[in-house]
Protein backbone atom coordinates (compact mmCIF):
# COMPACT_ATOMS: atom_id res chain seq x y z
CA MET A 1 34.72 -0.24 -1.85
CA LEU A 2 34.83 3.45 -2.76
CA PHE A 3 31.95 2.91 -5.19
CA LEU A 4 29.85 1.34 -2.43
CA VAL A 5 30.55 4.25 -0.06
CA LEU A 6 29.65 6.78 -2.77
CA LEU A 7 26.47 4.85 -3.53
CA LEU A 8 25.49 4.85 0.17
CA ILE A 9 26.14 8.58 0.47
CA LEU A 10 24.20 9.30 -2.72
CA PHE A 11 21.29 7.12 -1.63
CA SER A 12 21.11 8.90 1.75
CA ILE A 13 19.92 12.09 0.00
CA PRO A 14 16.11 12.37 0.37
CA ALA A 15 15.64 13.70 -3.18
CA ILE A 16 17.40 10.62 -4.58
CA GLN A 17 15.29 8.32 -2.39
CA THR A 18 12.09 10.03 -3.56
CA SER A 19 13.20 9.77 -7.18
CA VAL A 20 13.83 6.03 -6.80
CA ALA A 21 10.43 5.57 -5.12
CA LYS A 22 8.70 7.49 -7.92
CA ARG A 23 10.34 5.20 -10.47
CA LEU A 24 9.10 2.16 -8.52
CA THR A 25 5.55 3.52 -8.34
CA ASN A 26 5.67 4.35 -12.06
CA SER A 27 6.75 0.76 -12.71
CA ILE A 28 3.79 -0.55 -10.70
CA GLN A 29 1.45 1.82 -12.55
CA GLU A 30 2.66 0.63 -15.95
CA ARG A 31 2.78 -3.08 -15.07
CA ALA A 32 -0.49 -3.37 -13.17
CA GLU A 33 -2.40 -0.29 -14.36
CA VAL A 34 -2.78 0.89 -10.76
CA ASP A 35 -2.95 4.60 -9.90
CA ILE A 36 -0.53 4.95 -6.98
CA SER A 37 1.56 7.92 -5.91
CA VAL A 38 3.91 8.84 -3.09
CA GLY A 39 4.79 12.42 -2.20
CA ARG A 40 8.12 12.00 -0.43
CA VAL A 41 10.19 9.03 0.67
CA SER A 42 13.08 8.47 3.03
CA PHE A 43 14.91 5.21 3.70
CA SER A 44 17.37 4.33 6.43
CA TYR A 45 20.20 1.83 6.12
CA PHE A 46 18.37 -0.50 8.51
CA GLY A 47 15.30 -1.00 6.30
CA ASN A 48 13.12 1.71 7.85
CA VAL A 49 10.95 3.59 5.38
CA LYS A 50 8.98 6.81 5.76
CA LEU A 51 6.42 7.71 3.07
CA ASN A 52 4.51 10.99 2.92
CA GLN A 53 1.22 11.43 1.06
CA VAL A 54 0.59 7.89 -0.17
CA MET A 55 -2.39 7.80 -2.54
CA VAL A 56 -4.01 4.81 -4.24
CA ARG A 57 -6.96 5.48 -6.53
CA ASP A 58 -9.43 2.82 -7.59
CA HIS A 59 -10.54 1.91 -11.10
CA HIS A 60 -13.02 4.84 -11.06
CA GLN A 61 -10.26 7.28 -10.01
CA ASP A 62 -11.78 7.71 -6.54
CA THR A 63 -9.65 7.48 -3.40
CA LEU A 64 -9.22 3.91 -2.22
CA LEU A 65 -6.37 4.59 0.19
CA HIS A 66 -4.67 7.75 1.39
CA ILE A 67 -2.07 7.96 4.15
CA GLY A 68 -0.59 11.26 5.26
CA LEU A 69 2.48 9.66 6.87
CA LEU A 70 3.47 6.01 6.81
CA ARG A 71 6.42 4.65 8.81
CA THR A 72 7.41 1.03 8.39
CA SER A 73 10.31 -1.36 8.05
CA ILE A 74 10.88 -3.74 5.17
CA LEU A 75 11.74 -7.17 6.55
CA SER A 76 12.39 -8.82 3.19
CA LEU A 77 13.45 -6.90 0.10
CA THR A 78 13.27 -10.11 -1.93
CA ASN A 79 9.62 -10.65 -0.98
CA LEU A 80 8.84 -7.03 -1.81
CA LEU A 81 10.23 -7.46 -5.32
CA VAL A 82 8.13 -10.58 -6.00
CA ASN A 83 4.87 -8.97 -4.86
CA ASN A 84 4.81 -10.62 -1.41
CA PRO A 85 5.71 -7.75 0.91
CA THR A 86 6.63 -8.63 4.48
CA ILE A 87 6.96 -5.59 6.71
CA GLY A 88 7.57 -4.95 10.38
CA SER A 89 6.07 -2.43 12.76
CA THR A 90 4.00 0.06 10.79
CA THR A 91 2.46 3.38 11.79
CA ALA A 92 -0.08 5.16 9.60
CA GLU A 93 -1.15 8.72 10.45
CA GLY A 94 -3.99 10.39 8.57
CA PHE A 95 -5.25 7.06 7.23
CA THR A 96 -8.24 6.95 4.84
CA PHE A 97 -9.48 3.68 3.39
CA LYS A 98 -12.65 3.76 1.26
CA MET A 99 -13.86 0.40 0.01
CA LYS A 100 -16.69 0.60 -2.47
CA ARG A 101 -18.69 -1.69 -4.67
CA TYR A 102 -19.92 0.42 -7.55
CA ALA A 103 -23.41 0.12 -9.00
CA GLY A 104 -23.65 -2.80 -11.42
CA GLU A 105 -20.26 -4.29 -10.45
CA ASP A 106 -19.69 -7.68 -8.82
CA SER A 107 -16.44 -6.84 -6.97
CA ASP A 108 -15.46 -4.03 -4.64
CA ASN A 109 -12.63 -1.64 -5.53
CA LEU A 110 -10.10 -3.38 -3.24
CA SER A 111 -10.71 -6.75 -4.93
CA VAL A 112 -10.23 -5.10 -8.32
CA LEU A 113 -6.93 -3.57 -7.15
CA LEU A 114 -5.63 -6.85 -5.69
CA GLU A 115 -6.51 -8.66 -8.92
CA LYS A 116 -4.44 -6.12 -10.85
CA LEU A 117 -1.46 -6.60 -8.51
CA LYS A 118 -1.09 -10.30 -9.29
CA THR A 119 2.23 -10.97 -10.95
CA GLU A 120 2.65 -13.35 -13.84
CA PRO A 121 6.35 -14.27 -14.04
CA SER A 122 5.70 -17.73 -15.49
CA GLY A 123 2.42 -17.00 -17.21
CA GLU A 124 0.47 -18.11 -14.14
CA PRO A 125 -1.10 -15.47 -11.88
CA LYS A 126 0.44 -15.33 -8.42
CA PRO A 127 -1.81 -14.29 -5.53
CA PHE A 128 -1.03 -11.03 -3.76
CA TYR A 129 0.28 -11.59 -0.24
CA LEU A 130 1.05 -8.95 2.41
CA ALA A 131 2.22 -9.59 5.98
CA VAL A 132 2.58 -6.85 8.60
CA ARG A 133 4.02 -7.68 12.03
CA ASP A 134 2.02 -4.96 13.82
CA ILE A 135 0.20 -1.84 12.75
CA PHE A 136 -0.82 1.36 14.51
CA ILE A 137 -3.36 3.68 12.85
CA THR A 138 -4.13 7.15 14.13
CA ASP A 139 -6.52 9.77 12.77
CA GLY A 140 -8.12 7.10 10.59
CA PHE A 141 -11.23 6.75 8.50
CA TYR A 142 -12.68 3.54 7.03
CA SER A 143 -15.81 3.05 5.00
CA TYR A 144 -17.44 0.28 3.02
CA THR A 145 -20.14 1.30 0.59
CA ASP A 146 -22.19 -0.89 -1.73
CA GLU A 147 -24.02 1.15 -4.36
CA ASN A 148 -26.04 -1.94 -5.32
CA LEU A 149 -27.97 -1.75 -2.04
CA GLU A 150 -30.89 0.48 -1.07
CA SER A 151 -28.82 1.80 1.87
CA PRO A 152 -25.29 1.90 0.41
CA GLU A 153 -23.31 2.90 3.53
CA ILE A 154 -22.57 -0.36 5.30
CA ILE A 155 -19.70 0.66 7.58
CA VAL A 156 -18.31 4.11 8.38
CA LEU A 157 -15.64 4.50 11.07
CA ASN A 158 -14.51 8.06 11.83
CA ARG A 159 -11.60 9.11 14.07
CA LEU A 160 -10.29 5.57 13.93
CA THR A 161 -7.41 4.56 16.19
CA LEU A 162 -6.25 0.99 15.79
CA GLN A 163 -3.49 -1.23 17.12
CA ALA A 164 -3.29 -4.72 15.61
CA GLU A 165 -0.81 -7.57 15.22
CA ALA A 166 -0.13 -10.15 12.53
CA LEU A 167 -2.06 -8.50 9.71
CA LYS A 168 -2.16 -10.72 6.62
CA VAL A 169 -3.73 -10.08 3.26
CA VAL A 170 -3.92 -13.01 0.86
CA GLU A 171 -5.75 -12.00 -2.31
CA ASP A 172 -8.99 -10.52 -0.94
CA SER A 173 -8.92 -12.22 2.50
CA PHE A 174 -7.76 -10.40 5.63
CA THR A 175 -6.72 -11.76 9.00
CA VAL A 176 -5.39 -9.88 12.01
């Protein structure tokens, strides 16, 4: 019992939480060859998570996703560990999402990332699955560019504010 109390006290220190999160992101980087980083992390005992400066770079080392501040709740730790994250209410402030299909490539950078995130526990690839109960985005930016087209900028949304429910990502398909 004393060990559990000491562990809870130790894990309540933000520096320890950030260190654990950095080890998790390093594990993802090594396993899936994905460039992901998180500046600072804090967890609560009730599954709430706050991440500062989340950055995901694509296979050309350009920004795919950047979030200044992300607040969420993890609904299933087990699902998170098997690459099927299920999370609750999520708020993203300072959200930048830049999808791009590079010249001469068949897939966009998000599809390439999701392909890398497939786990292979039994030798068979497992599709990436993400479920978010509801999401609020403020101060957002989204773009989709296809360098294989004469006019590459397909969609550009500045100063994006979004409220959505039941977001699901299964491989490269989105529903909301």
